[in-house]
Protein backbone atom coordinates (compact mmCIF):
# COMPACT_ATOMS: atom_id res chain seq x y z
CA UNK A 1 133.13 -6.99 153.14
CA UNK A 2 135.88 -4.52 152.29
CA UNK A 3 137.74 -3.21 155.30
CA UNK A 4 138.23 0.19 153.64
CA UNK A 5 134.46 0.57 153.26
CA UNK A 6 134.64 1.20 149.50
CA UNK A 7 132.72 -1.01 147.06
CA UNK A 8 132.82 0.88 143.75
CA UNK A 9 135.96 0.92 141.57
CA UNK A 10 137.12 1.50 138.04
CA UNK A 11 138.84 -1.89 138.02
CA UNK A 12 138.56 -4.96 140.23
CA UNK A 13 141.35 -7.52 139.91
CA UNK A 14 140.73 -11.06 141.14
CA UNK A 15 143.97 -12.78 142.09
CA UNK A 16 147.20 -11.26 143.44
CA UNK A 17 149.82 -13.25 141.56
CA UNK A 18 152.33 -11.67 139.16
CA UNK A 19 149.69 -11.06 136.47
CA UNK A 20 147.11 -9.58 138.82
CA UNK A 21 149.59 -7.33 140.60
CA UNK A 22 151.05 -6.11 137.29
CA UNK A 23 147.61 -5.29 135.91
CA UNK A 24 146.45 -3.58 139.09
CA UNK A 25 149.65 -1.54 139.47
CA UNK A 26 149.58 -0.41 135.84
CA UNK A 27 145.94 0.67 136.11
CA UNK A 28 146.60 2.59 139.34
CA UNK A 29 149.59 4.35 137.80
CA UNK A 30 147.24 5.52 135.05
CA UNK A 31 145.05 7.18 137.67
CA UNK A 32 142.33 4.55 138.01
CA UNK A 33 140.70 3.43 141.26
CA UNK A 34 141.62 -0.22 141.64
CA UNK A 35 140.87 -3.00 144.11
CA UNK A 36 142.66 -6.35 144.06
CA UNK A 37 141.25 -9.27 146.04
CA UNK A 38 143.04 -12.53 146.78
CA UNK A 39 141.36 -15.61 148.24
CA UNK A 40 144.47 -16.76 150.12
CA UNK A 41 145.64 -15.17 153.39
CA UNK A 42 148.94 -14.29 151.68
CA UNK A 43 149.37 -13.45 147.97
CA UNK A 44 151.08 -16.63 146.86
CA UNK A 45 150.12 -19.14 144.21
CA UNK A 46 150.98 -22.82 144.52
CA UNK A 47 154.56 -23.30 143.34
CA UNK A 48 154.11 -25.18 140.08
CA UNK A 49 157.52 -24.21 138.73
CA UNK A 50 161.08 -24.00 140.00
CA UNK A 51 160.82 -20.29 140.97
CA UNK A 52 163.41 -19.29 138.39
CA UNK A 53 163.57 -15.95 136.59
CA UNK A 54 166.31 -14.90 134.18
CA UNK A 55 168.15 -11.62 134.56
CA UNK A 56 167.04 -10.64 131.05
CA UNK A 57 163.41 -11.19 132.07
CA UNK A 58 163.86 -9.03 135.16
CA UNK A 59 165.23 -6.22 133.00
CA UNK A 60 162.41 -6.63 130.48
CA UNK A 61 159.66 -6.31 133.07
CA UNK A 62 161.52 -3.49 134.81
CA UNK A 63 161.61 -4.86 138.34
CA UNK A 64 164.11 -4.11 141.10
CA UNK A 65 163.63 -7.25 143.14
CA UNK A 66 164.64 -6.81 146.79
CA UNK A 67 167.38 -9.16 148.05
CA UNK A 68 165.08 -10.91 150.52
CA UNK A 69 162.98 -12.21 147.59
CA UNK A 70 166.00 -13.90 145.98
CA UNK A 71 167.01 -17.29 147.32
CA UNK A 72 169.94 -17.87 144.95
CA UNK A 73 171.76 -16.20 142.08
CA UNK A 74 172.45 -18.49 139.13
CA UNK A 75 175.29 -18.33 136.58
CA UNK A 76 174.20 -20.98 134.09
CA UNK A 77 172.59 -24.36 133.53
CA UNK A 78 173.39 -28.01 132.91
CA UNK A 79 171.17 -29.98 130.53
CA UNK A 80 171.17 -33.78 130.49
CA UNK A 81 169.62 -35.98 127.83
CA UNK A 82 169.72 -39.76 128.45
CA UNK A 83 173.28 -40.04 127.12
CA UNK A 84 174.62 -36.53 126.65
CA UNK A 85 175.33 -33.36 128.61
CA UNK A 86 175.39 -29.67 127.72
CA UNK A 87 176.73 -26.97 130.03
CA UNK A 88 175.63 -23.35 129.80
CA UNK A 89 178.29 -21.41 131.70
CA UNK A 90 177.55 -17.70 131.39
CA UNK A 91 180.21 -16.53 133.88
CA UNK A 92 177.83 -13.85 135.08
CA UNK A 93 174.61 -13.35 136.97
CA UNK A 94 172.26 -15.14 134.56
CA UNK A 95 169.20 -15.25 136.76
CA UNK A 96 167.63 -15.89 140.11
CA UNK A 97 165.81 -18.56 142.04
CA UNK A 98 163.12 -16.61 143.84
CA UNK A 99 161.41 -17.13 147.16
CA UNK A 100 157.94 -16.94 145.66
CA UNK A 101 156.18 -16.52 149.00
CA UNK A 102 158.06 -13.27 149.51
CA UNK A 103 158.18 -12.23 145.86
CA UNK A 104 154.42 -12.43 145.27
CA UNK A 105 153.78 -10.56 148.52
CA UNK A 106 156.25 -7.87 147.45
CA UNK A 107 154.49 -7.51 144.08
CA UNK A 108 151.15 -7.01 145.83
CA UNK A 109 152.74 -4.48 148.18
CA UNK A 110 154.17 -2.58 145.21
CA UNK A 111 150.69 -2.47 143.70
CA UNK A 112 149.35 -1.14 147.00
CA UNK A 113 152.02 1.57 147.09
CA UNK A 114 150.92 2.59 143.59
CA UNK A 115 147.40 3.19 144.92
CA UNK A 116 145.70 -0.21 144.64
CA UNK A 117 143.53 -1.31 147.55
CA UNK A 118 144.64 -4.89 148.22
CA UNK A 119 142.67 -7.26 150.41
CA UNK A 120 143.63 -10.89 150.99
CA UNK A 121 141.58 -13.77 152.34
CA UNK A 122 138.79 -12.38 150.16
CA UNK A 123 137.32 -14.80 147.63
CA UNK A 124 135.47 -13.74 144.51
CA UNK A 125 132.49 -16.08 144.52
CA UNK A 126 130.45 -14.79 141.60
CA UNK A 127 130.29 -12.44 138.64
CA UNK A 128 127.83 -9.56 138.38
CA UNK A 129 126.39 -9.02 134.90
CA UNK A 130 124.08 -6.36 133.53
CA UNK A 131 123.01 -5.64 129.96
CA UNK A 132 125.60 -8.05 128.57
CA UNK A 133 128.51 -6.53 130.51
CA UNK A 134 130.49 -7.81 133.48
CA UNK A 135 129.89 -5.14 136.12
CA UNK A 136 131.65 -6.50 139.18
CA UNK A 137 132.10 -9.50 141.43
CA UNK A 138 130.54 -10.98 144.53
CA UNK A 139 133.03 -11.47 147.34
CA UNK A 140 133.29 -13.17 150.71
CA UNK A 141 135.62 -12.23 153.56
CA UNK A 142 135.57 -14.55 156.59
CA UNK A 143 131.94 -15.49 155.99
CA UNK A 144 130.74 -11.94 155.29
CA UNK A 145 129.37 -11.54 151.77
CA UNK A 146 129.22 -8.35 149.72
CA UNK A 147 129.72 -7.13 146.16
CA UNK A 148 132.16 -4.92 144.29
CA UNK A 149 131.09 -2.92 141.25
CA UNK A 150 133.53 -1.89 138.54
CA UNK A 151 133.93 -0.81 134.94
CA UNK A 152 136.26 -3.75 134.27
CA UNK A 153 136.91 -7.02 136.08
CA UNK A 154 140.31 -8.65 135.59
CA UNK A 155 140.43 -12.44 135.90
CA UNK A 156 143.89 -13.18 137.28
CA UNK A 157 142.75 -16.20 139.27
CA UNK A 158 145.02 -18.86 137.82
CA UNK A 159 144.76 -21.81 135.49
CA UNK A 160 141.32 -22.81 136.78
CA UNK A 161 140.00 -19.21 136.40
CA UNK A 162 136.55 -19.57 137.89
CA UNK A 163 135.84 -15.89 137.17
CA UNK A 164 136.49 -16.31 133.43
CA UNK A 165 134.20 -19.32 133.26
CA UNK A 166 131.45 -17.61 135.25
CA UNK A 167 131.64 -14.62 132.90
CA UNK A 168 131.35 -16.86 129.85
CA UNK A 169 134.88 -16.56 128.46
CA UNK A 170 136.02 -19.69 126.65
CA UNK A 171 139.18 -20.84 128.40
CA UNK A 172 139.04 -24.59 127.70
CA UNK A 173 142.43 -26.00 126.77
CA UNK A 174 143.35 -29.21 124.98
CA UNK A 175 144.59 -31.80 127.46
CA UNK A 176 147.77 -32.18 125.41
CA UNK A 177 148.69 -28.65 126.53
CA UNK A 178 148.01 -29.24 130.23
CA UNK A 179 151.16 -30.32 132.00
CA UNK A 180 151.11 -32.05 135.36
CA UNK A 181 153.74 -30.66 137.73
CA UNK A 182 155.00 -32.05 141.03
CA UNK A 183 157.76 -30.53 143.12
CA UNK A 184 159.60 -31.07 146.38
CA UNK A 185 161.67 -28.45 148.11
CA UNK A 186 164.49 -30.58 149.46
CA UNK A 187 167.15 -29.90 152.09
CA UNK A 188 170.37 -31.77 152.84
CA UNK A 189 171.06 -32.74 149.23
CA UNK A 190 174.23 -32.73 147.15
CA UNK A 191 174.24 -31.02 143.75
CA UNK A 192 176.72 -31.06 140.89
CA UNK A 193 176.91 -27.26 140.89
CA UNK A 194 174.71 -25.24 143.29
CA UNK A 195 175.18 -22.14 141.13
CA UNK A 196 173.51 -23.70 138.09
CA UNK A 197 170.05 -25.03 137.39
CA UNK A 198 170.05 -28.65 136.22
CA UNK A 199 167.55 -30.04 133.70
CA UNK A 200 167.01 -33.67 132.67
CA UNK A 201 165.08 -34.68 129.54
CA UNK A 202 164.20 -38.17 128.38
CA UNK A 203 161.15 -40.27 127.61
CA UNK A 204 161.77 -42.69 130.45
CA UNK A 205 162.27 -40.14 133.23
CA UNK A 206 159.95 -37.31 132.09
CA UNK A 207 157.77 -37.99 129.01
CA UNK A 208 157.02 -34.80 127.06
CA UNK A 209 158.57 -32.76 129.84
CA UNK A 210 161.61 -32.51 132.06
CA UNK A 211 162.97 -32.90 135.58
CA UNK A 212 164.53 -29.84 137.18
CA UNK A 213 166.83 -29.09 140.09
CA UNK A 214 166.78 -25.37 140.90
CA UNK A 215 169.23 -24.56 143.73
CA UNK A 216 168.08 -22.28 146.54
CA UNK A 217 171.23 -22.76 148.62
CA UNK A 218 174.29 -24.97 148.94
CA UNK A 219 172.19 -27.96 150.02
CA UNK A 220 168.60 -26.92 149.26
CA UNK A 221 166.74 -26.93 145.94
CA UNK A 222 163.41 -27.17 144.23
CA UNK A 223 163.37 -30.65 142.70
CA UNK A 224 160.44 -31.08 140.36
CA UNK A 225 158.97 -32.51 137.21
CA UNK A 226 156.49 -31.51 134.54
CA UNK A 227 155.01 -34.06 132.15
CA UNK A 228 152.64 -33.33 129.31
CA UNK A 229 149.30 -34.86 128.45
CA UNK A 230 147.83 -38.18 129.58
CA UNK A 231 148.31 -41.91 129.16
CA UNK A 232 151.57 -42.56 130.98
CA UNK A 233 152.32 -45.55 133.16
CA UNK A 234 153.07 -43.33 136.16
CA UNK A 235 151.94 -40.02 137.58
CA UNK A 236 154.21 -36.98 137.72
CA UNK A 237 154.85 -37.79 141.36
CA UNK A 238 155.76 -41.38 140.47
CA UNK A 239 158.29 -40.31 137.85
CA UNK A 240 159.80 -37.76 140.24
CA UNK A 241 160.10 -40.21 143.12
CA UNK A 242 161.83 -42.73 140.85
CA UNK A 243 164.26 -40.06 139.67
CA UNK A 244 165.12 -39.02 143.22
CA UNK A 245 165.68 -42.64 144.25
CA UNK A 246 168.13 -43.04 141.36
CA UNK A 247 170.19 -39.98 142.34
CA UNK A 248 172.62 -40.47 145.22
CA UNK A 249 172.83 -36.76 145.96
CA UNK A 250 169.06 -36.35 146.18
CA UNK A 251 167.87 -39.46 147.95
CA UNK A 252 169.69 -38.52 151.15
CA UNK A 253 167.72 -35.25 151.37
CA UNK A 254 164.61 -34.31 153.33
CA UNK A 255 161.39 -32.85 151.95
CA UNK A 256 160.33 -29.57 153.58
CA UNK A 257 157.65 -28.51 151.09
CA UNK A 258 155.45 -30.20 148.48
CA UNK A 259 153.69 -28.46 145.61
CA UNK A 260 151.61 -29.85 142.77
CA UNK A 261 149.28 -28.57 140.10
CA UNK A 262 148.50 -28.08 136.42
CA UNK A 263 150.35 -25.79 134.00
CA UNK A 264 148.68 -24.50 130.80
CA UNK A 265 151.79 -24.93 128.63
CA UNK A 266 150.34 -23.89 125.29
CA UNK A 267 146.92 -23.60 123.72
CA UNK A 268 147.02 -19.83 123.63
CA UNK A 269 143.75 -17.93 123.59
CA UNK A 270 142.89 -15.90 120.51
CA UNK A 271 140.40 -13.95 122.61
CA UNK A 272 141.01 -13.00 126.25
CA UNK A 273 138.25 -10.41 126.74
CA UNK A 274 134.50 -9.96 127.05
CA UNK A 275 132.38 -6.89 127.68
CA UNK A 276 133.87 -5.59 130.93
CA UNK A 277 136.22 -8.55 131.46
CA UNK A 278 139.92 -9.19 130.79
CA UNK A 279 141.85 -12.41 131.55
CA UNK A 280 145.59 -12.35 132.31
CA UNK A 281 148.38 -14.73 133.33
CA UNK A 282 147.62 -18.42 133.77
CA UNK A 283 143.93 -17.60 133.37
CA UNK A 284 144.79 -16.57 129.79
CA UNK A 285 147.30 -19.42 129.25
CA UNK A 286 150.21 -16.94 129.20
CA UNK A 287 153.00 -19.44 129.88
CA UNK A 288 156.21 -20.35 128.07
CA UNK A 289 155.24 -23.75 126.59
CA UNK A 290 158.79 -25.10 126.48
CA UNK A 291 159.74 -24.82 130.15
CA UNK A 292 156.37 -24.01 131.73
CA UNK A 293 157.52 -20.82 133.43
CA UNK A 294 155.17 -17.88 133.38
CA UNK A 295 156.33 -15.06 135.66
CA UNK A 296 157.66 -12.93 132.79
CA UNK A 297 154.75 -13.78 130.49
CA UNK A 298 152.16 -13.07 133.19
CA UNK A 299 153.77 -9.76 134.13
CA UNK A 300 154.02 -8.56 130.54
CA UNK A 301 150.43 -9.65 129.91
CA UNK A 302 149.30 -7.71 132.97
CA UNK A 303 151.17 -4.58 131.91
CA UNK A 304 149.64 -4.71 128.43
CA UNK A 305 146.18 -5.33 129.88
CA UNK A 306 146.53 -2.43 132.31
CA UNK A 307 147.47 -0.01 129.55
CA UNK A 308 144.54 -1.08 127.37
CA UNK A 309 142.03 -1.02 130.24
CA UNK A 310 143.08 2.51 131.19
CA UNK A 311 142.69 3.67 127.60
CA UNK A 312 139.26 2.07 127.26
CA UNK A 313 137.97 3.60 130.50
CA UNK A 314 139.27 7.01 129.42
CA UNK A 315 137.26 6.63 126.20
CA UNK A 316 134.25 5.36 128.16
CA UNK A 317 134.16 2.14 126.14
CA UNK A 318 134.84 -1.17 127.88
CA UNK A 319 133.12 -3.31 125.28
CA UNK A 320 134.69 -6.52 124.01
CA UNK A 321 135.49 -4.73 120.78
CA UNK A 322 137.40 -1.96 122.56
CA UNK A 323 139.16 -4.27 125.02
CA UNK A 324 140.22 -6.50 122.10
CA UNK A 325 143.12 -4.10 121.61
CA UNK A 326 144.68 -6.16 124.41
CA UNK A 327 144.39 -9.30 122.23
CA UNK A 328 146.03 -7.51 119.32
CA UNK A 329 148.96 -6.06 121.27
CA UNK A 330 149.60 -9.25 123.25
CA UNK A 331 149.69 -11.37 120.11
CA UNK A 332 152.02 -8.93 118.38
CA UNK A 333 154.40 -8.63 121.33
CA UNK A 334 154.18 -12.08 122.93
CA UNK A 335 151.79 -14.50 121.28
CA UNK A 336 153.62 -15.07 118.01
CA UNK A 337 156.89 -15.76 119.82
CA UNK A 338 155.23 -18.15 122.26
CA UNK A 339 153.44 -19.99 119.46
CA UNK A 340 156.80 -20.58 117.76
CA UNK A 341 158.11 -21.97 121.05
CA UNK A 342 155.02 -24.19 121.24
CA UNK A 343 155.85 -25.59 117.79
CA UNK A 344 159.37 -26.38 118.96
CA UNK A 345 158.02 -28.02 122.12
CA UNK A 346 155.67 -30.21 120.09
CA UNK A 347 158.53 -31.31 117.83
CA UNK A 348 160.92 -32.04 120.69
CA UNK A 349 158.19 -34.00 122.51
CA UNK A 350 158.12 -36.50 119.62
CA UNK A 351 161.86 -37.19 119.65
CA UNK A 352 163.29 -40.49 120.83
CA UNK A 353 165.97 -40.56 123.51
CA UNK A 354 168.54 -41.15 120.76
CA UNK A 355 167.31 -38.05 118.93
CA UNK A 356 167.42 -36.01 122.13
CA UNK A 357 171.05 -37.06 122.56
CA UNK A 358 171.81 -35.91 119.02
CA UNK A 359 170.15 -32.56 119.68
CA UNK A 360 171.89 -31.90 123.01
CA UNK A 361 175.26 -32.91 121.55
CA UNK A 362 174.85 -30.58 118.56
CA UNK A 363 173.90 -27.31 120.25
CA UNK A 364 175.79 -24.76 122.29
CA UNK A 365 174.73 -23.26 125.59
CA UNK A 366 173.79 -20.03 123.83
CA UNK A 367 171.64 -22.04 121.40
CA UNK A 368 169.66 -23.55 124.27
CA UNK A 369 169.05 -20.12 125.78
CA UNK A 370 167.84 -18.88 122.39
CA UNK A 371 165.52 -21.87 121.93
CA UNK A 372 163.71 -21.09 125.18
CA UNK A 373 163.09 -17.58 123.83
CA UNK A 374 161.74 -18.79 120.49
CA UNK A 375 164.90 -17.86 118.56
CA UNK A 376 167.15 -19.89 116.21
CA UNK A 377 164.52 -22.61 115.81
CA UNK A 378 165.82 -23.15 112.29
CA UNK A 379 169.04 -24.51 113.85
CA UNK A 380 167.02 -27.22 115.61
CA UNK A 381 165.42 -28.00 112.26
CA UNK A 382 168.80 -28.27 110.53
CA UNK A 383 170.02 -30.71 113.19
CA UNK A 384 166.92 -32.87 112.84
CA UNK A 385 167.19 -32.85 109.04
CA UNK A 386 170.36 -34.94 109.38
CA UNK A 387 168.13 -37.91 110.09
CA UNK A 388 165.75 -38.90 107.24
CA UNK A 389 163.06 -40.09 109.62
CA UNK A 390 162.83 -36.64 111.22
CA UNK A 391 162.47 -34.57 108.05
CA UNK A 392 158.71 -34.16 108.42
CA UNK A 393 159.08 -33.03 112.03
CA UNK A 394 161.90 -30.64 111.16
CA UNK A 395 159.82 -28.90 108.52
CA UNK A 396 157.43 -27.68 111.23
CA UNK A 397 160.23 -25.41 112.46
CA UNK A 398 161.13 -23.89 109.09
């Protein structure tokens, strides 16, 4: 049931994470009647990342994040390869470590203030179809079942995206692009610099991925790992536990929260729409494939989707053909850049520890920041070209 007694909307959004809230808010600001349902009691996805968001990303998505949603302000990063170290010291407010429980709730509240009806603890259990169009969703609130009708349904229900699959949208990803993430929030630890994020790369500690320490206070941090693909001798948890045991500053700490899950780090979807359906965020694989973060990508995807949906409803055409404008704009504004980053990720994943040392030793802090944004990839290629055995790999970046 819906506590407001209304069951017919222009747009129904399933999932109240960053992508869902951005889509819903954008649609409401365009004058549409919007409902957003979230299966959890509080709008908060499982923390599969370190909760970091750069200051540049915040400016790009146009958010004024309230202080209570920010756990720590960050002024740079430290990157370790097996034998080398690079320090990114920006001497300014470079970004934030968020408190995602509060941040996601704030995003949903902002959508509500824009006119969206938000209801949590309400699961979308089925898709309503008629004449080849998605026309709404079946919902359940504390055992009471009902249905919502809409012109467009937005699947913002995460990497598993049950709604997309029920509707018939092809969301299958190659296992090589699915990263396994495991994270502890730890208290009572010692860090090298609690004002910088710390990243460790290496085939022995984090194959095809990295270990991160994202400070949330002087002695508290998200300590996690993401590893790509299958076939390793240990699980993500096993690699992370071994890393913590090897670090004197971490092994004395306590664990106050555990999070685990899958991250769709690549395998971008050429098509994210059907008749009456749009997928956004993790449901549409909108994640930075190098570091696995997706708050910025999800928010931008939601904003683009909201604009397109509003235009299609105004023209009274919510067909796949009309909604495909979302595909076009997203690929022009985000997809091409992310695909370049994916190429870089795939090249770096094939490097030996010795090669990783060479790369870390040869780049500046600014270079590393640019790489994560899909820029200056030719510099990575030039570094790799120094070694004859890496010429073929390097050419993928040119």
